[in-house]
Amino acid sequence: TTLDIIDLTSYVSDKHLQRIKGRIIGKEGSMRKTIEDLLNVHISVYGKTVAIIGDVESVAIAREAIEMLVEGAQHSTVIKFLERKRRELKMRSLEWY
């Protein structure tokens, strides 16, 4: 299990912080929940940071997804990316058996 903290101020100015946090959380928390459910991670959006807790690979993928959202990628694009990555993780875990 690992913790990754993303400082949003290194990506956007304070002026855009609220909007970007809104994109990460999504309508009624849907985007955040989707990332959490698909990757089995926990995400906290607080102040000027986003914290992600989970296993190393999942946290790295979640970080990439959040960076995509910060850079303006559409939610649907990010969800497709997450679903593809999840399949890759599943395939890799099956190869161990």
Protein backbone atom coordinates (compact mmCIF):
# COMPACT_ATOMS: atom_id res chain seq x y z
CA THR A 1 0.00 0.00 0.00
CA THR A 2 1.28 3.43 -0.91
CA LEU A 3 0.22 7.08 -0.57
CA ASP A 4 0.62 9.60 -3.40
CA ILE A 5 -0.14 13.27 -2.91
CA ILE A 6 -0.68 15.48 -5.94
CA ASP A 7 -0.18 19.20 -5.39
CA LEU A 8 -2.69 20.79 -7.76
CA THR A 9 -0.97 24.19 -7.56
CA SER A 10 1.92 22.77 -9.59
CA TYR A 11 -0.57 22.22 -12.45
CA VAL A 12 -3.01 25.12 -12.23
CA SER A 13 -3.27 28.59 -10.71
CA ASP A 14 -5.43 29.21 -7.64
CA LYS A 15 -7.98 30.82 -9.95
CA HIS A 16 -8.71 27.46 -11.63
CA LEU A 17 -8.33 25.28 -8.55
CA GLN A 18 -12.05 25.02 -7.76
CA ARG A 19 -12.93 24.05 -11.33
CA ILE A 20 -10.18 21.41 -11.52
CA LYS A 21 -11.17 19.91 -8.17
CA GLY A 22 -14.72 19.76 -9.52
CA ARG A 23 -13.51 17.88 -12.60
CA ILE A 24 -11.64 15.35 -10.44
CA ILE A 25 -14.60 14.80 -8.12
CA GLY A 26 -17.19 14.85 -10.92
CA LYS A 27 -20.93 15.35 -10.68
CA GLU A 28 -22.06 14.20 -7.23
CA GLY A 29 -18.67 12.52 -6.74
CA SER A 30 -19.13 10.20 -9.70
CA MET A 31 -15.69 10.59 -11.27
CA ARG A 32 -13.85 10.10 -8.00
CA LYS A 33 -16.01 7.06 -7.22
CA THR A 34 -15.37 5.59 -10.68
CA ILE A 35 -11.60 5.88 -10.22
CA GLU A 36 -11.84 4.42 -6.72
CA ASP A 37 -14.04 1.50 -7.82
CA LEU A 38 -12.11 0.58 -10.97
CA LEU A 39 -8.68 0.68 -9.32
CA ASN A 40 -9.55 -0.21 -5.71
CA VAL A 41 -7.94 2.98 -4.35
CA HIS A 42 -9.10 5.71 -1.97
CA ILE A 43 -8.99 9.33 -3.12
CA SER A 44 -9.22 12.44 -0.99
CA VAL A 45 -9.59 15.86 -2.64
CA TYR A 46 -8.84 18.45 0.03
CA GLY A 47 -7.51 21.99 -0.10
CA LYS A 48 -4.96 22.23 -2.89
CA THR A 49 -4.08 18.53 -2.92
CA VAL A 50 -5.38 15.16 -4.06
CA ALA A 51 -4.29 12.14 -2.01
CA ILE A 52 -4.46 8.59 -3.40
CA ILE A 53 -4.02 5.47 -1.26
CA GLY A 54 -3.80 1.94 -2.68
CA ASP A 55 -1.38 -0.55 -4.12
CA VAL A 56 1.56 0.87 -6.06
CA GLU A 57 0.37 0.08 -9.61
CA SER A 58 -3.20 1.25 -9.01
CA VAL A 59 -2.04 4.51 -7.40
CA ALA A 60 0.21 5.22 -10.39
CA ILE A 61 -2.70 4.66 -12.80
CA ALA A 62 -5.04 6.80 -10.66
CA ARG A 63 -2.44 9.58 -10.66
CA GLU A 64 -2.23 9.40 -14.45
CA ALA A 65 -6.04 9.56 -14.72
CA ILE A 66 -6.19 12.59 -12.41
CA GLU A 67 -3.45 14.31 -14.39
CA MET A 68 -5.47 13.66 -17.57
CA LEU A 69 -8.49 15.34 -15.94
CA VAL A 70 -6.36 18.29 -14.79
CA GLU A 71 -5.07 18.71 -18.35
CA GLY A 72 -8.63 18.85 -19.66
CA ALA A 73 -9.28 15.32 -20.97
CA GLN A 74 -12.96 14.43 -21.23
CA HIS A 75 -14.40 12.24 -18.47
CA SER A 76 -15.35 9.56 -21.01
CA THR A 77 -11.75 9.44 -22.30
CA VAL A 78 -10.41 9.02 -18.77
CA ILE A 79 -12.95 6.27 -17.98
CA LYS A 80 -11.94 4.36 -21.15
CA PHE A 81 -8.29 4.72 -20.11
CA LEU A 82 -9.10 3.42 -16.61
CA GLU A 83 -11.06 0.45 -17.95
CA ARG A 84 -8.20 -0.48 -20.30
CA LYS A 85 -5.64 -0.23 -17.50
CA ARG A 86 -7.83 -2.29 -15.19
CA ARG A 87 -8.02 -5.05 -17.80
CA GLU A 88 -4.22 -4.95 -18.12
CA LEU A 89 -3.86 -5.25 -14.33
CA LYS A 90 -6.27 -8.18 -14.27
CA MET A 91 -4.42 -9.95 -17.10
CA ARG A 92 -1.12 -9.48 -15.29
CA SER A 93 -2.50 -10.83 -12.02
CA LEU A 94 -3.87 -13.88 -13.87
CA GLU A 95 -0.44 -14.60 -15.36
CA TRP A 96 0.89 -15.29 -11.87
CA TYR A 97 -1.30 -18.36 -11.48
